[in-house]
Amino acid sequence: MSAAKLRNIGPKSAAWLRQVGLRTQEDLESVGAVEAFIRVKRAGFRPSLNLLYALEGALLDCHWQQLPEDRRGDLLTAYEAAAALLPPPRGRPAAGPVTTTHTARDEDTGPSLNLFDSTGGDD
């Protein structure tokens, strides 16, 4: 897929789409903007929501900034619903619990400063 073939799709976005198996306009039409966006994100790329809107604009042959706000909201809702159903990406551990780190005081220098101490005071 090249920028010359689809409106709103620049070289970087086109490369991402190719890497997830979407090489033609027909490929994009067959999966839709939301699924294409999910594939790009799940491949490890970090697209902004502008890509989602650009993909929809490409399918509708309009500039992504001309998408009505309610359509953007629908796309975002559809993306969030679809993403919630997906298993976590392979190769990445699920986020663990947040732990608080405490440091020992150094007798020569006084209390230590630990920006990660959640107690808010000295130990």
PDB file of N, CA and C in Angstrom:
ATOM      1  N   MET A   1       0.861  -1.162   0.000  1.00  0.00           N
ATOM      2  CA  MET A   1       0.000   0.000   0.000  1.00  0.00           C
ATOM      3  C   MET A   1       0.905   1.222   0.000  1.00  0.00           C
ATOM      4  N   SER A   2       0.624   2.176  -0.820  1.00  0.00           N
ATOM      5  CA  SER A   2       1.461   3.368  -0.872  1.00  0.00           C
ATOM      6  C   SER A   2       0.620   4.607  -0.625  1.00  0.00           C
ATOM      7  N   ALA A   3       1.295   5.689  -0.288  1.00  0.00           N
ATOM      8  CA  ALA A   3       0.602   6.935   0.006  1.00  0.00           C
ATOM      9  C   ALA A   3      -0.159   7.434  -1.212  1.00  0.00           C
ATOM     10  N   ALA A   4       0.338   7.136  -2.419  1.00  0.00           N
ATOM     11  CA  ALA A   4      -0.319   7.591  -3.632  1.00  0.00           C
ATOM     12  C   ALA A   4      -1.641   6.864  -3.867  1.00  0.00           C
ATOM     13  N   LYS A   5      -1.800   5.678  -3.306  1.00  0.00           N
ATOM     14  CA  LYS A   5      -3.000   4.891  -3.548  1.00  0.00           C
ATOM     15  C   LYS A   5      -4.149   5.235  -2.615  1.00  0.00           C
ATOM     16  N   LEU A   6      -3.834   5.555  -1.380  1.00  0.00           N
ATOM     17  CA  LEU A   6      -4.891   5.825  -0.407  1.00  0.00           C
ATOM     18  C   LEU A   6      -4.710   7.194   0.229  1.00  0.00           C
ATOM     19  N   ARG A   7      -5.797   7.908   0.287  1.00  0.00           N
ATOM     20  CA  ARG A   7      -5.802   9.213   0.927  1.00  0.00           C
ATOM     21  C   ARG A   7      -5.502   9.051   2.418  1.00  0.00           C
ATOM     22  N   ASN A   8      -4.772   9.980   2.988  1.00  0.00           N
ATOM     23  CA  ASN A   8      -4.435  10.049   4.416  1.00  0.00           C
ATOM     24  C   ASN A   8      -3.341   9.084   4.859  1.00  0.00           C
ATOM     25  N   ILE A   9      -2.909   8.188   4.004  1.00  0.00           N
ATOM     26  CA  ILE A   9      -1.947   7.161   4.405  1.00  0.00           C
ATOM     27  C   ILE A   9      -0.562   7.548   3.889  1.00  0.00           C
ATOM     28  N   GLY A  10       0.297   7.931   4.834  1.00  0.00           N
ATOM     29  CA  GLY A  10       1.657   8.306   4.491  1.00  0.00           C
ATOM     30  C   GLY A  10       2.570   7.100   4.446  1.00  0.00           C
ATOM     31  N   PRO A  11       3.841   7.320   4.187  1.00  0.00           N
ATOM     32  CA  PRO A  11       4.791   6.205   4.051  1.00  0.00           C
ATOM     33  C   PRO A  11       4.906   5.336   5.301  1.00  0.00           C
ATOM     34  N   LYS A  12       4.930   5.951   6.480  1.00  0.00           N
ATOM     35  CA  LYS A  12       5.074   5.190   7.717  1.00  0.00           C
ATOM     36  C   LYS A  12       3.832   4.333   7.962  1.00  0.00           C
ATOM     37  N   SER A  13       2.665   4.931   7.805  1.00  0.00           N
ATOM     38  CA  SER A  13       1.422   4.176   7.999  1.00  0.00           C
ATOM     39  C   SER A  13       1.295   3.066   6.962  1.00  0.00           C
ATOM     40  N   ALA A  14       1.685   3.351   5.737  1.00  0.00           N
ATOM     41  CA  ALA A  14       1.623   2.339   4.683  1.00  0.00           C
ATOM     42  C   ALA A  14       2.546   1.161   5.018  1.00  0.00           C
ATOM     43  N   ALA A  15       3.723   1.467   5.555  1.00  0.00           N
ATOM     44  CA  ALA A  15       4.662   0.400   5.935  1.00  0.00           C
ATOM     45  C   ALA A  15       4.073  -0.447   7.058  1.00  0.00           C
ATOM     46  N   TRP A  16       3.459   0.205   8.049  1.00  0.00           N
ATOM     47  CA  TRP A  16       2.823  -0.544   9.136  1.00  0.00           C
ATOM     48  C   TRP A  16       1.736  -1.465   8.591  1.00  0.00           C
ATOM     49  N   LEU A  17       0.919  -0.941   7.699  1.00  0.00           N
ATOM     50  CA  LEU A  17      -0.173  -1.736   7.136  1.00  0.00           C
ATOM     51  C   LEU A  17       0.372  -2.927   6.347  1.00  0.00           C
ATOM     52  N   ARG A  18       1.414  -2.697   5.564  1.00  0.00           N
ATOM     53  CA  ARG A  18       2.020  -3.814   4.823  1.00  0.00           C
ATOM     54  C   ARG A  18       2.533  -4.881   5.775  1.00  0.00           C
ATOM     55  N   GLN A  19       3.142  -4.450   6.882  1.00  0.00           N
ATOM     56  CA  GLN A  19       3.716  -5.408   7.818  1.00  0.00           C
ATOM     57  C   GLN A  19       2.663  -6.233   8.538  1.00  0.00           C
ATOM     58  N   VAL A  20       1.422  -5.768   8.559  1.00  0.00           N
ATOM     59  CA  VAL A  20       0.347  -6.563   9.176  1.00  0.00           C
ATOM     60  C   VAL A  20      -0.521  -7.230   8.115  1.00  0.00           C
ATOM     61  N   GLY A  21      -0.020  -7.270   6.881  1.00  0.00           N
ATOM     62  CA  GLY A  21      -0.693  -8.020   5.829  1.00  0.00           C
ATOM     63  C   GLY A  21      -1.758  -7.262   5.058  1.00  0.00           C
ATOM     64  N   LEU A  22      -1.845  -5.970   5.242  1.00  0.00           N
ATOM     65  CA  LEU A  22      -2.818  -5.165   4.507  1.00  0.00           C
ATOM     66  C   LEU A  22      -2.078  -4.396   3.423  1.00  0.00           C
ATOM     67  N   ARG A  23      -2.116  -4.933   2.217  1.00  0.00           N
ATOM     68  CA  ARG A  23      -1.300  -4.399   1.133  1.00  0.00           C
ATOM     69  C   ARG A  23      -2.075  -3.625   0.079  1.00  0.00           C
ATOM     70  N   THR A  24      -3.368  -3.788   0.040  1.00  0.00           N
ATOM     71  CA  THR A  24      -4.170  -3.125  -0.982  1.00  0.00           C
ATOM     72  C   THR A  24      -5.367  -2.435  -0.343  1.00  0.00           C
ATOM     73  N   GLN A  25      -6.001  -1.585  -1.135  1.00  0.00           N
ATOM     74  CA  GLN A  25      -7.214  -0.933  -0.668  1.00  0.00           C
ATOM     75  C   GLN A  25      -8.289  -1.976  -0.378  1.00  0.00           C
ATOM     76  N   GLU A  26      -8.325  -3.018  -1.184  1.00  0.00           N
ATOM     77  CA  GLU A  26      -9.301  -4.085  -0.971  1.00  0.00           C
ATOM     78  C   GLU A  26      -9.057  -4.794   0.361  1.00  0.00           C
ATOM     79  N   ASP A  27      -7.779  -4.995   0.707  1.00  0.00           N
ATOM     80  CA  ASP A  27      -7.459  -5.596   2.001  1.00  0.00           C
ATOM     81  C   ASP A  27      -8.006  -4.734   3.139  1.00  0.00           C
ATOM     82  N   LEU A  28      -7.792  -3.425   3.028  1.00  0.00           N
ATOM     83  CA  LEU A  28      -8.272  -2.507   4.057  1.00  0.00           C
ATOM     84  C   LEU A  28      -9.798  -2.497   4.100  1.00  0.00           C
ATOM     85  N   GLU A  29     -10.423  -2.485   2.952  1.00  0.00           N
ATOM     86  CA  GLU A  29     -11.887  -2.502   2.903  1.00  0.00           C
ATOM     87  C   GLU A  29     -12.454  -3.775   3.518  1.00  0.00           C
ATOM     88  N   SER A  30     -11.761  -4.888   3.334  1.00  0.00           N
ATOM     89  CA  SER A  30     -12.279  -6.156   3.841  1.00  0.00           C
ATOM     90  C   SER A  30     -12.238  -6.252   5.370  1.00  0.00           C
ATOM     91  N   VAL A  31     -11.283  -5.577   6.011  1.00  0.00           N
ATOM     92  CA  VAL A  31     -11.195  -5.651   7.475  1.00  0.00           C
ATOM     93  C   VAL A  31     -11.767  -4.423   8.162  1.00  0.00           C
ATOM     94  N   GLY A  32     -11.757  -3.296   7.497  1.00  0.00           N
ATOM     95  CA  GLY A  32     -12.260  -2.063   8.092  1.00  0.00           C
ATOM     96  C   GLY A  32     -11.200  -1.330   8.890  1.00  0.00           C
ATOM     97  N   ALA A  33     -11.512  -0.091   9.212  1.00  0.00           N
ATOM     98  CA  ALA A  33     -10.549   0.784   9.886  1.00  0.00           C
ATOM     99  C   ALA A  33     -10.205   0.288  11.287  1.00  0.00           C
ATOM    100  N   VAL A  34     -11.197  -0.147  12.046  1.00  0.00           N
ATOM    101  CA  VAL A  34     -10.950  -0.553  13.431  1.00  0.00           C
ATOM    102  C   VAL A  34     -10.052  -1.786  13.489  1.00  0.00           C
ATOM    103  N   GLU A  35     -10.366  -2.799  12.693  1.00  0.00           N
ATOM    104  CA  GLU A  35      -9.548  -4.015  12.693  1.00  0.00           C
ATOM    105  C   GLU A  35      -8.132  -3.723  12.200  1.00  0.00           C
ATOM    106  N   ALA A  36      -7.991  -2.876  11.189  1.00  0.00           N
ATOM    107  CA  ALA A  36      -6.661  -2.518  10.695  1.00  0.00           C
ATOM    108  C   ALA A  36      -5.856  -1.818  11.788  1.00  0.00           C
ATOM    109  N   PHE A  37      -6.505  -0.912  12.511  1.00  0.00           N
ATOM    110  CA  PHE A  37      -5.847  -0.195  13.599  1.00  0.00           C
ATOM    111  C   PHE A  37      -5.408  -1.162  14.696  1.00  0.00           C
ATOM    112  N   ILE A  38      -6.274  -2.091  15.044  1.00  0.00           N
ATOM    113  CA  ILE A  38      -5.936  -3.090  16.066  1.00  0.00           C
ATOM    114  C   ILE A  38      -4.748  -3.928  15.618  1.00  0.00           C
ATOM    115  N   ARG A  39      -4.728  -4.324  14.375  1.00  0.00           N
ATOM    116  CA  ARG A  39      -3.606  -5.131  13.877  1.00  0.00           C
ATOM    117  C   ARG A  39      -2.291  -4.375  13.991  1.00  0.00           C
ATOM    118  N   VAL A  40      -2.320  -3.097  13.653  1.00  0.00           N
ATOM    119  CA  VAL A  40      -1.104  -2.286  13.741  1.00  0.00           C
ATOM    120  C   VAL A  40      -0.637  -2.184  15.197  1.00  0.00           C
ATOM    121  N   LYS A  41      -1.556  -1.923  16.101  1.00  0.00           N
ATOM    122  CA  LYS A  41      -1.195  -1.826  17.522  1.00  0.00           C
ATOM    123  C   LYS A  41      -0.674  -3.155  18.051  1.00  0.00           C
ATOM    124  N   ARG A  42      -1.325  -4.243  17.709  1.00  0.00           N
ATOM    125  CA  ARG A  42      -0.912  -5.559  18.210  1.00  0.00           C
ATOM    126  C   ARG A  42       0.422  -6.010  17.625  1.00  0.00           C
ATOM    127  N   ALA A  43       0.807  -5.423  16.506  1.00  0.00           N
ATOM    128  CA  ALA A  43       2.108  -5.748  15.913  1.00  0.00           C
ATOM    129  C   ALA A  43       3.245  -5.058  16.657  1.00  0.00           C
ATOM    130  N   GLY A  44       2.898  -4.198  17.616  1.00  0.00           N
ATOM    131  CA  GLY A  44       3.931  -3.547  18.412  1.00  0.00           C
ATOM    132  C   GLY A  44       4.201  -2.106  18.038  1.00  0.00           C
ATOM    133  N   PHE A  45       3.514  -1.609  17.025  1.00  0.00           N
ATOM    134  CA  PHE A  45       3.677  -0.209  16.654  1.00  0.00           C
ATOM    135  C   PHE A  45       2.857   0.644  17.606  1.00  0.00           C
ATOM    136  N   ARG A  46       3.125   1.925  17.646  1.00  0.00           N
ATOM    137  CA  ARG A  46       2.434   2.816  18.565  1.00  0.00           C
ATOM    138  C   ARG A  46       1.714   3.937  17.812  1.00  0.00           C
ATOM    139  N   PRO A  47       0.678   3.585  17.079  1.00  0.00           N
ATOM    140  CA  PRO A  47      -0.037   4.628  16.344  1.00  0.00           C
ATOM    141  C   PRO A  47      -0.920   5.453  17.281  1.00  0.00           C
ATOM    142  N   SER A  48      -1.143   6.681  16.896  1.00  0.00           N
ATOM    143  CA  SER A  48      -2.100   7.498  17.636  1.00  0.00           C
ATOM    144  C   SER A  48      -3.487   7.240  17.054  1.00  0.00           C
ATOM    145  N   LEU A  49      -4.486   7.784  17.698  1.00  0.00           N
ATOM    146  CA  LEU A  49      -5.844   7.632  17.182  1.00  0.00           C
ATOM    147  C   LEU A  49      -6.007   8.289  15.816  1.00  0.00           C
ATOM    148  N   ASN A  50      -5.098   9.188  15.471  1.00  0.00           N
ATOM    149  CA  ASN A  50      -5.170   9.806  14.145  1.00  0.00           C
ATOM    150  C   ASN A  50      -5.089   8.748  13.045  1.00  0.00           C
ATOM    151  N   LEU A  51      -4.346   7.658  13.286  1.00  0.00           N
ATOM    152  CA  LEU A  51      -4.296   6.593  12.285  1.00  0.00           C
ATOM    153  C   LEU A  51      -5.667   5.959  12.117  1.00  0.00           C
ATOM    154  N   LEU A  52      -6.368   5.728  13.194  1.00  0.00           N
ATOM    155  CA  LEU A  52      -7.714   5.167  13.106  1.00  0.00           C
ATOM    156  C   LEU A  52      -8.604   6.066  12.256  1.00  0.00           C
ATOM    157  N   TYR A  53      -8.536   7.360  12.516  1.00  0.00           N
ATOM    158  CA  TYR A  53      -9.352   8.307  11.753  1.00  0.00           C
ATOM    159  C   TYR A  53      -8.873   8.397  10.301  1.00  0.00           C
ATOM    160  N   ALA A  54      -7.564   8.316  10.091  1.00  0.00           N
ATOM    161  CA  ALA A  54      -7.022   8.358   8.732  1.00  0.00           C
ATOM    162  C   ALA A  54      -7.469   7.143   7.927  1.00  0.00           C
ATOM    163  N   LEU A  55      -7.499   5.974   8.571  1.00  0.00           N
ATOM    164  CA  LEU A  55      -7.949   4.764   7.882  1.00  0.00           C
ATOM    165  C   LEU A  55      -9.418   4.890   7.479  1.00  0.00           C
ATOM    166  N   GLU A  56     -10.233   5.404   8.381  1.00  0.00           N
ATOM    167  CA  GLU A  56     -11.653   5.597   8.059  1.00  0.00           C
ATOM    168  C   GLU A  56     -11.800   6.618   6.941  1.00  0.00           C
ATOM    169  N   GLY A  57     -11.029   7.692   7.019  1.00  0.00           N
ATOM    170  CA  GLY A  57     -11.058   8.693   5.953  1.00  0.00           C
ATOM    171  C   GLY A  57     -10.625   8.116   4.617  1.00  0.00           C
ATOM    172  N   ALA A  58      -9.639   7.228   4.640  1.00  0.00           N
ATOM    173  CA  ALA A  58      -9.187   6.581   3.405  1.00  0.00           C
ATOM    174  C   ALA A  58     -10.307   5.735   2.812  1.00  0.00           C
ATOM    175  N   LEU A  59     -11.033   5.047   3.672  1.00  0.00           N
ATOM    176  CA  LEU A  59     -12.135   4.219   3.177  1.00  0.00           C
ATOM    177  C   LEU A  59     -13.286   5.065   2.635  1.00  0.00           C
ATOM    178  N   LEU A  60     -13.480   6.242   3.214  1.00  0.00           N
ATOM    179  CA  LEU A  60     -14.568   7.127   2.781  1.00  0.00           C
ATOM    180  C   LEU A  60     -14.112   8.153   1.750  1.00  0.00           C
ATOM    181  N   ASP A  61     -12.819   8.136   1.430  1.00  0.00           N
ATOM    182  CA  ASP A  61     -12.211   9.080   0.497  1.00  0.00           C
ATOM    183  C   ASP A  61     -12.433  10.528   0.932  1.00  0.00           C
ATOM    184  N   CYS A  62     -12.135  10.790   2.213  1.00  0.00           N
ATOM    185  CA  CYS A  62     -12.186  12.161   2.721  1.00  0.00           C
ATOM    186  C   CYS A  62     -11.000  12.377   3.653  1.00  0.00           C
ATOM    187  N   HIS A  63     -10.653  13.613   3.876  1.00  0.00           N
ATOM    188  CA  HIS A  63      -9.569  13.920   4.799  1.00  0.00           C
ATOM    189  C   HIS A  63      -9.987  13.500   6.199  1.00  0.00           C
ATOM    190  N   TRP A  64      -9.053  12.940   6.964  1.00  0.00           N
ATOM    191  CA  TRP A  64      -9.399  12.408   8.283  1.00  0.00           C
ATOM    192  C   TRP A  64      -9.940  13.481   9.213  1.00  0.00           C
ATOM    193  N   GLN A  65      -9.534  14.730   9.024  1.00  0.00           N
ATOM    194  CA  GLN A  65     -10.029  15.802   9.886  1.00  0.00           C
ATOM    195  C   GLN A  65     -11.471  16.191   9.547  1.00  0.00           C
ATOM    196  N   GLN A  66     -11.969  15.717   8.425  1.00  0.00           N
ATOM    197  CA  GLN A  66     -13.345  16.012   8.038  1.00  0.00           C
ATOM    198  C   GLN A  66     -14.339  14.979   8.571  1.00  0.00           C
ATOM    199  N   LEU A  67     -13.848  13.951   9.253  1.00  0.00           N
ATOM    200  CA  LEU A  67     -14.764  12.977   9.849  1.00  0.00           C
ATOM    201  C   LEU A  67     -15.582  13.674  10.931  1.00  0.00           C
ATOM    202  N   PRO A  68     -16.881  13.495  10.915  1.00  0.00           N
ATOM    203  CA  PRO A  68     -17.707  14.116  11.956  1.00  0.00           C
ATOM    204  C   PRO A  68     -17.337  13.589  13.344  1.00  0.00           C
ATOM    205  N   GLU A  69     -17.499  14.418  14.358  1.00  0.00           N
ATOM    206  CA  GLU A  69     -17.172  14.039  15.730  1.00  0.00           C
ATOM    207  C   GLU A  69     -17.920  12.788  16.172  1.00  0.00           C
ATOM    208  N   ASP A  70     -19.187  12.657  15.769  1.00  0.00           N
ATOM    209  CA  ASP A  70     -19.931  11.469  16.186  1.00  0.00           C
ATOM    210  C   ASP A  70     -19.359  10.211  15.541  1.00  0.00           C
ATOM    211  N   ARG A  71     -18.851  10.317  14.309  1.00  0.00           N
ATOM    212  CA  ARG A  71     -18.219   9.154  13.673  1.00  0.00           C
ATOM    213  C   ARG A  71     -16.915   8.807  14.376  1.00  0.00           C
ATOM    214  N   ARG A  72     -16.156   9.820  14.754  1.00  0.00           N
ATOM    215  CA  ARG A  72     -14.919   9.569  15.508  1.00  0.00           C
ATOM    216  C   ARG A  72     -15.242   8.868  16.826  1.00  0.00           C
ATOM    217  N   GLY A  73     -16.283   9.325  17.481  1.00  0.00           N
ATOM    218  CA  GLY A  73     -16.700   8.690  18.733  1.00  0.00           C
ATOM    219  C   GLY A  73     -17.109   7.243  18.522  1.00  0.00           C
ATOM    220  N   ASP A  74     -17.827   6.982  17.421  1.00  0.00           N
ATOM    221  CA  ASP A  74     -18.224   5.607  17.106  1.00  0.00           C
ATOM    222  C   ASP A  74     -17.006   4.722  16.867  1.00  0.00           C
ATOM    223  N   LEU A  75     -16.024   5.251  16.150  1.00  0.00           N
ATOM    224  CA  LEU A  75     -14.801   4.492  15.880  1.00  0.00           C
ATOM    225  C   LEU A  75     -14.057   4.183  17.173  1.00  0.00           C
ATOM    226  N   LEU A  76     -13.957   5.176  18.042  1.00  0.00           N
ATOM    227  CA  LEU A  76     -13.258   4.984  19.307  1.00  0.00           C
ATOM    228  C   LEU A  76     -13.987   3.957  20.171  1.00  0.00           C
ATOM    229  N   THR A  77     -15.290   4.035  20.219  1.00  0.00           N
ATOM    230  CA  THR A  77     -16.077   3.067  20.987  1.00  0.00           C
ATOM    231  C   THR A  77     -15.899   1.661  20.429  1.00  0.00           C
ATOM    232  N   ALA A  78     -15.938   1.540  19.108  1.00  0.00           N
ATOM    233  CA  ALA A  78     -15.758   0.228  18.472  1.00  0.00           C
ATOM    234  C   ALA A  78     -14.361  -0.318  18.740  1.00  0.00           C
ATOM    235  N   TYR A  79     -13.355   0.541  18.688  1.00  0.00           N
ATOM    236  CA  TYR A  79     -11.987   0.103  18.972  1.00  0.00           C
ATOM    237  C   TYR A  79     -11.867  -0.371  20.419  1.00  0.00           C
ATOM    238  N   GLU A  80     -12.373   0.415  21.355  1.00  0.00           N
ATOM    239  CA  GLU A  80     -12.258   0.045  22.774  1.00  0.00           C
ATOM    240  C   GLU A  80     -12.986  -1.265  23.070  1.00  0.00           C
ATOM    241  N   ALA A  81     -14.154  -1.456  22.452  1.00  0.00           N
ATOM    242  CA  ALA A  81     -14.905  -2.698  22.665  1.00  0.00           C
ATOM    243  C   ALA A  81     -14.149  -3.895  22.089  1.00  0.00           C
ATOM    244  N   ALA A  82     -13.602  -3.736  20.897  1.00  0.00           N
ATOM    245  CA  ALA A  82     -12.867  -4.836  20.261  1.00  0.00           C
ATOM    246  C   ALA A  82     -11.571  -5.123  21.020  1.00  0.00           C
ATOM    247  N   ALA A  83     -10.879  -4.093  21.455  1.00  0.00           N
ATOM    248  CA  ALA A  83      -9.610  -4.272  22.167  1.00  0.00           C
ATOM    249  C   ALA A  83      -9.831  -4.951  23.517  1.00  0.00           C
ATOM    250  N   ALA A  84     -10.965  -4.696  24.150  1.00  0.00           N
ATOM    251  CA  ALA A  84     -11.247  -5.307  25.450  1.00  0.00           C
ATOM    252  C   ALA A  84     -11.436  -6.813  25.342  1.00  0.00           C
ATOM    253  N   LEU A  85     -11.816  -7.283  24.176  1.00  0.00           N
ATOM    254  CA  LEU A  85     -12.045  -8.716  23.972  1.00  0.00           C
ATOM    255  C   LEU A  85     -10.776  -9.485  23.624  1.00  0.00           C
ATOM    256  N   LEU A  86      -9.710  -8.760  23.306  1.00  0.00           N
ATOM    257  CA  LEU A  86      -8.470  -9.410  22.884  1.00  0.00           C
ATOM    258  C   LEU A  86      -7.664  -9.896  24.078  1.00  0.00           C
ATOM    259  N   PRO A  87      -6.980 -11.026  23.917  1.00  0.00           N
ATOM    260  CA  PRO A  87      -6.061 -11.457  24.976  1.00  0.00           C
ATOM    261  C   PRO A  87      -4.867 -10.514  25.014  1.00  0.00           C
ATOM    262  N   PRO A  88      -4.137 -10.484  26.132  1.00  0.00           N
ATOM    263  CA  PRO A  88      -2.960  -9.621  26.187  1.00  0.00           C
ATOM    264  C   PRO A  88      -1.943 -10.042  25.129  1.00  0.00           C
ATOM    265  N   PRO A  89      -1.161  -9.098  24.625  1.00  0.00           N
ATOM    266  CA  PRO A  89      -0.171  -9.432  23.600  1.00  0.00           C
ATOM    267  C   PRO A  89       0.818 -10.473  24.100  1.00  0.00           C
ATOM    268  N   ARG A  90       1.200 -11.387  23.211  1.00  0.00           N
ATOM    269  CA  ARG A  90       2.192 -12.402  23.568  1.00  0.00           C
ATOM    270  C   ARG A  90       3.557 -11.756  23.723  1.00  0.00           C
ATOM    271  N   GLY A  91       4.346 -12.348  24.614  1.00  0.00           N
ATOM    272  CA  GLY A  91       5.701 -11.854  24.791  1.00  0.00           C
ATOM    273  C   GLY A  91       5.813 -10.691  25.757  1.00  0.00           C
ATOM    274  N   ARG A  92       4.700 -10.183  26.197  1.00  0.00           N
ATOM    275  CA  ARG A  92       4.724  -9.094  27.153  1.00  0.00           C
ATOM    276  C   ARG A  92       4.026  -9.558  28.423  1.00  0.00           C
ATOM    277  N   PRO A  93       4.693  -9.452  29.532  1.00  0.00           N
ATOM    278  CA  PRO A  93       4.029  -9.854  30.774  1.00  0.00           C
ATOM    279  C   PRO A  93       2.939  -8.845  31.126  1.00  0.00           C
ATOM    280  N   ALA A  94       1.917  -9.339  31.780  1.00  0.00           N
ATOM    281  CA  ALA A  94       0.882  -8.438  32.272  1.00  0.00           C
ATOM    282  C   ALA A  94       1.490  -7.533  33.321  1.00  0.00           C
ATOM    283  N   ALA A  95       0.971  -6.342  33.438  1.00  0.00           N
ATOM    284  CA  ALA A  95       1.492  -5.403  34.418  1.00  0.00           C
ATOM    285  C   ALA A  95       1.335  -5.977  35.819  1.00  0.00           C
ATOM    286  N   GLY A  96       2.377  -5.896  36.583  1.00  0.00           N
ATOM    287  CA  GLY A  96       2.354  -6.404  37.948  1.00  0.00           C
ATOM    288  C   GLY A  96       1.901  -5.326  38.918  1.00  0.00           C
ATOM    289  N   PRO A  97       1.790  -5.685  40.172  1.00  0.00           N
ATOM    290  CA  PRO A  97       1.377  -4.696  41.167  1.00  0.00           C
ATOM    291  C   PRO A  97       2.476  -3.663  41.387  1.00  0.00           C
ATOM    292  N   VAL A  98       2.078  -2.488  41.781  1.00  0.00           N
ATOM    293  CA  VAL A  98       3.028  -1.427  42.088  1.00  0.00           C
ATOM    294  C   VAL A  98       3.536  -1.649  43.503  1.00  0.00           C
ATOM    295  N   THR A  99       4.840  -1.571  43.688  1.00  0.00           N
ATOM    296  CA  THR A  99       5.416  -1.758  45.017  1.00  0.00           C
ATOM    297  C   THR A  99       6.092  -0.468  45.457  1.00  0.00           C
ATOM    298  N   THR A 100       6.176  -0.283  46.747  1.00  0.00           N
ATOM    299  CA  THR A 100       6.832   0.885  47.313  1.00  0.00           C
ATOM    300  C   THR A 100       8.243   0.502  47.705  1.00  0.00           C
ATOM    301  N   THR A 101       9.187   1.336  47.350  1.00  0.00           N
ATOM    302  CA  THR A 101      10.587   1.088  47.666  1.00  0.00           C
ATOM    303  C   THR A 101      10.992   1.961  48.838  1.00  0.00           C
ATOM    304  N   HIS A 102      11.593   1.367  49.848  1.00  0.00           N
ATOM    305  CA  HIS A 102      12.098   2.102  51.000  1.00  0.00           C
ATOM    306  C   HIS A 102      13.610   1.969  51.011  1.00  0.00           C
ATOM    307  N   THR A 103      14.267   3.050  51.373  1.00  0.00           N
ATOM    308  CA  THR A 103      15.727   3.002  51.473  1.00  0.00           C
ATOM    309  C   THR A 103      16.133   3.216  52.928  1.00  0.00           C
ATOM    310  N   ALA A 104      17.283   2.669  53.287  1.00  0.00           N
ATOM    311  CA  ALA A 104      17.801   2.821  54.646  1.00  0.00           C
ATOM    312  C   ALA A 104      18.425   4.201  54.796  1.00  0.00           C
ATOM    313  N   ARG A 105      18.406   4.721  56.009  1.00  0.00           N
ATOM    314  CA  ARG A 105      19.035   6.011  56.283  1.00  0.00           C
ATOM    315  C   ARG A 105      20.543   5.849  56.383  1.00  0.00           C
ATOM    316  N   ASP A 106      21.200   6.819  55.882  1.00  0.00           N
ATOM    317  CA  ASP A 106      22.660   6.849  56.022  1.00  0.00           C
ATOM    318  C   ASP A 106      22.959   7.745  57.223  1.00  0.00           C
ATOM    319  N   GLU A 107      23.579   7.213  58.272  1.00  0.00           N
ATOM    320  CA  GLU A 107      23.813   7.948  59.517  1.00  0.00           C
ATOM    321  C   GLU A 107      24.653   9.199  59.301  1.00  0.00           C
ATOM    322  N   ASP A 108      25.564   9.198  58.302  1.00  0.00           N
ATOM    323  CA  ASP A 108      26.441  10.344  58.090  1.00  0.00           C
ATOM    324  C   ASP A 108      25.744  11.491  57.365  1.00  0.00           C
ATOM    325  N   THR A 109      24.765  11.194  56.551  1.00  0.00           N
ATOM    326  CA  THR A 109      24.161  12.244  55.743  1.00  0.00           C
ATOM    327  C   THR A 109      22.737  12.569  56.156  1.00  0.00           C
ATOM    328  N   GLY A 110      22.204  11.886  57.117  1.00  0.00           N
ATOM    329  CA  GLY A 110      20.845  12.155  57.558  1.00  0.00           C
ATOM    330  C   GLY A 110      19.853  11.314  56.778  1.00  0.00           C
ATOM    331  N   PRO A 111      18.572  11.693  56.822  1.00  0.00           N
ATOM    332  CA  PRO A 111      17.543  10.892  56.159  1.00  0.00           C
ATOM    333  C   PRO A 111      17.737  10.880  54.646  1.00  0.00           C
ATOM    334  N   SER A 112      17.433   9.755  54.053  1.00  0.00           N
ATOM    335  CA  SER A 112      17.554   9.659  52.602  1.00  0.00           C
ATOM    336  C   SER A 112      16.289  10.191  51.956  1.00  0.00           C
ATOM    337  N   LEU A 113      16.437  10.692  50.773  1.00  0.00           N
ATOM    338  CA  LEU A 113      15.297  11.182  50.008  1.00  0.00           C
ATOM    339  C   LEU A 113      14.926  10.115  48.997  1.00  0.00           C
ATOM    340  N   ASN A 114      13.724   9.607  49.107  1.00  0.00           N
ATOM    341  CA  ASN A 114      13.252   8.593  48.168  1.00  0.00           C
ATOM    342  C   ASN A 114      11.965   9.108  47.553  1.00  0.00           C
ATOM    343  N   LEU A 115      12.021   9.465  46.289  1.00  0.00           N
ATOM    344  CA  LEU A 115      10.861  10.004  45.606  1.00  0.00           C
ATOM    345  C   LEU A 115       9.763   8.977  45.406  1.00  0.00           C
ATOM    346  N   PHE A 116      10.070   7.724  45.614  1.00  0.00           N
ATOM    347  CA  PHE A 116       9.102   6.662  45.392  1.00  0.00           C
ATOM    348  C   PHE A 116       8.455   6.183  46.694  1.00  0.00           C
ATOM    349  N   ASP A 117       8.770   6.832  47.776  1.00  0.00           N
ATOM    350  CA  ASP A 117       8.197   6.445  49.070  1.00  0.00           C
ATOM    351  C   ASP A 117       6.797   7.003  49.168  1.00  0.00           C
ATOM    352  N   SER A 118       5.829   6.126  49.330  1.00  0.00           N
ATOM    353  CA  SER A 118       4.440   6.561  49.333  1.00  0.00           C
ATOM    354  C   SER A 118       3.946   6.980  50.701  1.00  0.00           C
ATOM    355  N   THR A 119       4.787   6.880  51.722  1.00  0.00           N
ATOM    356  CA  THR A 119       4.321   7.219  53.055  1.00  0.00           C
ATOM    357  C   THR A 119       4.247   8.718  53.273  1.00  0.00           C
ATOM    358  N   GLY A 120       5.014   9.473  52.510  1.00  0.00           N
ATOM    359  CA  GLY A 120       4.961  10.915  52.615  1.00  0.00           C
ATOM    360  C   GLY A 120       5.790  11.481  53.754  1.00  0.00           C
ATOM    361  N   GLY A 121       6.430  10.670  54.562  1.00  0.00           N
ATOM    362  CA  GLY A 121       7.228  11.171  55.676  1.00  0.00           C
ATOM    363  C   GLY A 121       8.469  10.345  55.877  1.00  0.00           C
ATOM    364  N   ASP A 122       9.180  10.649  56.951  1.00  0.00           N
ATOM    365  CA  ASP A 122      10.387   9.878  57.263  1.00  0.00           C
ATOM    366  C   ASP A 122      10.008   8.529  57.833  1.00  0.00           C
ATOM    367  N   ASP A 123      10.905   7.568  57.655  1.00  0.00           N
ATOM    368  CA  ASP A 123      10.681   6.220  58.208  1.00  0.00           C
ATOM    369  C   ASP A 123      10.910   6.193  59.680  1.00  0.00           C
TER     370      ASP A 123
END
